[in-house]
Amino acid sequence: MNFKQHWSMRSLCPALLLAGIAAVAVGVHADEAAPKPVASKRQMMKECMAKQKASNAGMSKEQMKKNCRDVTDTERENAKADKDSAGQR
């Protein structure tokens, strides 16, 4: 009787370990597949302006706005391209 219990425990441990690894892998894959919400242009501009002010690069406010407009436009275009390419898969 002990012999059979020993073998069943030896089989059970790897099976549980494999099930745990599979569950983690599925969770990671689900996180990667979930679309990331795109912030509004206004929110992106706010965040960019805050970063520009924090860096205190000595730029005028108009120059910071221009830089942030360029950055936010590029980020939004990239996000749209990523969304489009994900839809084609």
N, C-alpha and C. Protein backbone atom coordinates (compact mmCIF):
# COMPACT_ATOMS: atom_id res chain seq x y z
N MET A 1 0.83 -1.18 0.00
CA MET A 1 0.00 0.00 0.00
C MET A 1 0.88 1.26 0.00
N ASN A 2 1.94 1.25 0.77
CA ASN A 2 2.84 2.41 0.79
C ASN A 2 3.50 2.61 -0.55
N PHE A 3 3.76 1.53 -1.24
CA PHE A 3 4.41 1.64 -2.54
C PHE A 3 3.54 2.42 -3.53
N LYS A 4 2.25 2.14 -3.56
CA LYS A 4 1.34 2.83 -4.47
C LYS A 4 1.17 4.30 -4.08
N GLN A 5 1.09 4.61 -2.81
CA GLN A 5 0.97 5.99 -2.37
C GLN A 5 2.22 6.77 -2.78
N HIS A 6 3.36 6.15 -2.64
CA HIS A 6 4.61 6.80 -3.00
C HIS A 6 4.62 7.18 -4.48
N TRP A 7 4.20 6.27 -5.32
CA TRP A 7 4.19 6.55 -6.75
C TRP A 7 3.15 7.60 -7.12
N SER A 8 2.02 7.59 -6.44
CA SER A 8 0.99 8.58 -6.77
C SER A 8 1.46 9.98 -6.36
N MET A 9 2.17 10.11 -5.27
CA MET A 9 2.70 11.40 -4.86
C MET A 9 3.80 11.86 -5.81
N ARG A 10 4.60 10.92 -6.30
CA ARG A 10 5.65 11.28 -7.25
C ARG A 10 5.04 11.76 -8.56
N SER A 11 3.90 11.25 -8.92
CA SER A 11 3.23 11.67 -10.15
C SER A 11 2.46 12.98 -9.93
N LEU A 12 1.93 13.15 -8.74
CA LEU A 12 1.11 14.31 -8.44
C LEU A 12 1.94 15.60 -8.39
N CYS A 13 3.10 15.56 -7.80
CA CYS A 13 3.93 16.77 -7.66
C CYS A 13 4.32 17.37 -9.01
N PRO A 14 4.86 16.60 -9.94
CA PRO A 14 5.18 17.19 -11.25
C PRO A 14 3.93 17.68 -11.99
N ALA A 15 2.82 16.99 -11.81
CA ALA A 15 1.59 17.40 -12.48
C ALA A 15 1.13 18.76 -11.95
N LEU A 16 1.19 18.94 -10.63
CA LEU A 16 0.82 20.22 -10.03
C LEU A 16 1.78 21.32 -10.45
N LEU A 17 3.05 21.00 -10.50
CA LEU A 17 4.04 21.98 -10.93
C LEU A 17 3.79 22.40 -12.37
N LEU A 18 3.52 21.45 -13.22
CA LEU A 18 3.23 21.75 -14.62
C LEU A 18 1.96 22.59 -14.76
N ALA A 19 0.94 22.26 -13.98
CA ALA A 19 -0.31 23.03 -14.02
C ALA A 19 -0.07 24.47 -13.55
N GLY A 20 0.76 24.65 -12.54
CA GLY A 20 1.08 25.99 -12.06
C GLY A 20 1.83 26.80 -13.10
N ILE A 21 2.78 26.19 -13.75
CA ILE A 21 3.54 26.88 -14.80
C ILE A 21 2.62 27.27 -15.95
N ALA A 22 1.73 26.37 -16.32
CA ALA A 22 0.79 26.65 -17.41
C ALA A 22 -0.13 27.81 -17.03
N ALA A 23 -0.59 27.84 -15.78
CA ALA A 23 -1.48 28.92 -15.34
C ALA A 23 -0.77 30.27 -15.39
N VAL A 24 0.48 30.30 -14.99
CA VAL A 24 1.25 31.55 -15.04
C VAL A 24 1.47 31.97 -16.48
N ALA A 25 1.79 31.04 -17.34
CA ALA A 25 2.02 31.36 -18.76
C ALA A 25 0.76 31.92 -19.40
N VAL A 26 -0.38 31.35 -19.09
CA VAL A 26 -1.64 31.85 -19.65
C VAL A 26 -1.90 33.26 -19.14
N GLY A 27 -1.65 33.51 -17.86
CA GLY A 27 -1.84 34.84 -17.30
C GLY A 27 -0.94 35.87 -17.94
N VAL A 28 0.30 35.53 -18.18
CA VAL A 28 1.24 36.45 -18.82
C VAL A 28 0.79 36.73 -20.25
N HIS A 29 0.38 35.70 -20.96
CA HIS A 29 -0.07 35.88 -22.34
C HIS A 29 -1.32 36.76 -22.40
N ALA A 30 -2.21 36.60 -21.44
CA ALA A 30 -3.43 37.42 -21.41
C ALA A 30 -3.08 38.88 -21.16
N ASP A 31 -2.09 39.15 -20.31
CA ASP A 31 -1.67 40.52 -20.05
C ASP A 31 -1.09 41.16 -21.30
N GLU A 32 -0.32 40.40 -22.07
CA GLU A 32 0.29 40.94 -23.28
C GLU A 32 -0.75 41.20 -24.35
N ALA A 33 -1.79 40.38 -24.40
CA ALA A 33 -2.79 40.50 -25.44
C ALA A 33 -3.79 41.63 -25.15
N ALA A 34 -3.92 42.03 -23.90
CA ALA A 34 -4.89 43.07 -23.55
C ALA A 34 -4.43 44.41 -24.10
N PRO A 35 -5.33 45.11 -24.77
CA PRO A 35 -4.94 46.41 -25.32
C PRO A 35 -4.73 47.43 -24.20
N LYS A 36 -3.71 48.23 -24.38
CA LYS A 36 -3.42 49.26 -23.38
C LYS A 36 -4.27 50.48 -23.71
N PRO A 37 -4.90 51.04 -22.70
CA PRO A 37 -5.72 52.23 -22.97
C PRO A 37 -4.83 53.40 -23.39
N VAL A 38 -5.29 54.11 -24.38
CA VAL A 38 -4.55 55.26 -24.88
C VAL A 38 -5.07 56.49 -24.17
N ALA A 39 -4.15 57.24 -23.59
CA ALA A 39 -4.54 58.46 -22.89
C ALA A 39 -5.04 59.49 -23.90
N SER A 40 -5.86 60.39 -23.43
CA SER A 40 -6.35 61.44 -24.32
C SER A 40 -5.20 62.37 -24.67
N LYS A 41 -5.35 63.08 -25.77
CA LYS A 41 -4.29 63.98 -26.21
C LYS A 41 -4.04 65.04 -25.14
N ARG A 42 -5.10 65.52 -24.51
CA ARG A 42 -4.97 66.53 -23.46
C ARG A 42 -4.13 66.00 -22.30
N GLN A 43 -4.43 64.76 -21.87
CA GLN A 43 -3.68 64.16 -20.76
C GLN A 43 -2.22 63.95 -21.15
N MET A 44 -1.99 63.52 -22.38
CA MET A 44 -0.62 63.32 -22.84
C MET A 44 0.15 64.64 -22.86
N MET A 45 -0.52 65.71 -23.29
CA MET A 45 0.11 67.03 -23.31
C MET A 45 0.45 67.49 -21.90
N LYS A 46 -0.48 67.26 -20.96
CA LYS A 46 -0.24 67.64 -19.57
C LYS A 46 0.99 66.93 -19.01
N GLU A 47 1.06 65.63 -19.25
CA GLU A 47 2.18 64.85 -18.74
C GLU A 47 3.49 65.30 -19.38
N CYS A 48 3.46 65.56 -20.68
CA CYS A 48 4.66 65.99 -21.39
C CYS A 48 5.13 67.35 -20.88
N MET A 49 4.19 68.27 -20.71
CA MET A 49 4.56 69.61 -20.23
C MET A 49 5.16 69.52 -18.82
N ALA A 50 4.61 68.66 -18.00
CA ALA A 50 5.14 68.49 -16.65
C ALA A 50 6.58 67.97 -16.71
N LYS A 51 6.83 67.01 -17.62
CA LYS A 51 8.20 66.49 -17.77
C LYS A 51 9.14 67.58 -18.28
N GLN A 52 8.66 68.37 -19.23
CA GLN A 52 9.49 69.44 -19.79
C GLN A 52 9.84 70.46 -18.70
N LYS A 53 8.86 70.83 -17.90
CA LYS A 53 9.11 71.79 -16.81
C LYS A 53 10.06 71.22 -15.78
N ALA A 54 9.90 69.93 -15.48
CA ALA A 54 10.76 69.29 -14.48
C ALA A 54 12.20 69.24 -14.95
N SER A 55 12.40 69.04 -16.25
CA SER A 55 13.77 68.97 -16.76
C SER A 55 14.40 70.36 -16.79
N ASN A 56 13.55 71.40 -16.81
CA ASN A 56 14.01 72.79 -16.76
C ASN A 56 15.14 73.03 -17.75
N ALA A 57 14.86 72.74 -19.01
CA ALA A 57 15.87 72.84 -20.05
C ALA A 57 16.10 74.28 -20.51
N GLY A 58 15.41 75.25 -19.90
CA GLY A 58 15.59 76.64 -20.29
C GLY A 58 14.85 77.01 -21.56
N MET A 59 13.88 76.18 -21.96
CA MET A 59 13.10 76.46 -23.17
C MET A 59 11.94 77.37 -22.83
N SER A 60 11.49 78.10 -23.84
CA SER A 60 10.29 78.92 -23.66
C SER A 60 9.08 78.00 -23.60
N LYS A 61 7.98 78.53 -23.07
CA LYS A 61 6.76 77.74 -22.96
C LYS A 61 6.26 77.32 -24.34
N GLU A 62 6.39 78.21 -25.31
CA GLU A 62 5.96 77.88 -26.67
C GLU A 62 6.78 76.75 -27.27
N GLN A 63 8.09 76.76 -27.00
CA GLN A 63 8.95 75.69 -27.51
C GLN A 63 8.59 74.36 -26.85
N MET A 64 8.31 74.40 -25.53
CA MET A 64 7.90 73.18 -24.84
C MET A 64 6.60 72.64 -25.43
N LYS A 65 5.64 73.54 -25.70
CA LYS A 65 4.36 73.11 -26.29
C LYS A 65 4.58 72.46 -27.65
N LYS A 66 5.44 73.08 -28.46
CA LYS A 66 5.71 72.52 -29.79
C LYS A 66 6.32 71.12 -29.67
N ASN A 67 7.30 71.00 -28.78
CA ASN A 67 7.93 69.69 -28.57
C ASN A 67 6.90 68.65 -28.12
N CYS A 68 6.04 69.06 -27.19
CA CYS A 68 5.04 68.13 -26.66
C CYS A 68 4.01 67.77 -27.72
N ARG A 69 3.63 68.72 -28.56
CA ARG A 69 2.70 68.41 -29.65
C ARG A 69 3.30 67.35 -30.56
N ASP A 70 4.56 67.54 -30.89
CA ASP A 70 5.24 66.57 -31.77
C ASP A 70 5.28 65.19 -31.11
N VAL A 71 5.63 65.17 -29.83
CA VAL A 71 5.74 63.90 -29.11
C VAL A 71 4.38 63.21 -29.02
N THR A 72 3.34 63.95 -28.62
CA THR A 72 2.03 63.33 -28.46
C THR A 72 1.46 62.86 -29.80
N ASP A 73 1.69 63.63 -30.85
CA ASP A 73 1.22 63.19 -32.17
C ASP A 73 1.90 61.89 -32.58
N THR A 74 3.20 61.82 -32.35
CA THR A 74 3.95 60.60 -32.69
C THR A 74 3.46 59.42 -31.86
N GLU A 75 3.26 59.63 -30.56
CA GLU A 75 2.81 58.55 -29.69
C GLU A 75 1.43 58.05 -30.11
N ARG A 76 0.55 58.97 -30.45
CA ARG A 76 -0.81 58.58 -30.85
C ARG A 76 -0.78 57.83 -32.19
N GLU A 77 0.07 58.27 -33.11
CA GLU A 77 0.20 57.56 -34.39
C GLU A 77 0.74 56.15 -34.17
N ASN A 78 1.73 56.02 -33.28
CA ASN A 78 2.29 54.71 -32.98
C ASN A 78 1.25 53.80 -32.33
N ALA A 79 0.47 54.37 -31.41
CA ALA A 79 -0.56 53.57 -30.75
C ALA A 79 -1.61 53.11 -31.76
N LYS A 80 -1.97 53.99 -32.68
CA LYS A 80 -2.95 53.63 -33.70
C LYS A 80 -2.38 52.54 -34.62
N ALA A 81 -1.10 52.67 -34.99
CA ALA A 81 -0.48 51.66 -35.84
C ALA A 81 -0.40 50.32 -35.12
N ASP A 82 -0.09 50.34 -33.83
CA ASP A 82 -0.04 49.11 -33.05
C ASP A 82 -1.42 48.46 -33.00
N LYS A 83 -2.44 49.27 -32.81
CA LYS A 83 -3.81 48.76 -32.74
C LYS A 83 -4.22 48.15 -34.08
N ASP A 84 -3.87 48.85 -35.17
CA ASP A 84 -4.20 48.34 -36.49
C ASP A 84 -3.48 47.03 -36.80
N SER A 85 -2.20 46.95 -36.43
CA SER A 85 -1.45 45.73 -36.71
C SER A 85 -1.94 44.57 -35.83
N ALA A 86 -2.40 44.88 -34.62
CA ALA A 86 -2.94 43.83 -33.74
C ALA A 86 -4.26 43.31 -34.31
N GLY A 87 -5.01 44.18 -34.96
CA GLY A 87 -6.29 43.77 -35.55
C GLY A 87 -6.12 42.88 -36.76
N GLN A 88 -4.97 42.97 -37.42
CA GLN A 88 -4.72 42.17 -38.61
C GLN A 88 -4.23 40.77 -38.29
N ARG A 89 -3.85 40.51 -37.08
CA ARG A 89 -3.32 39.19 -36.70
C ARG A 89 -4.39 38.16 -36.66
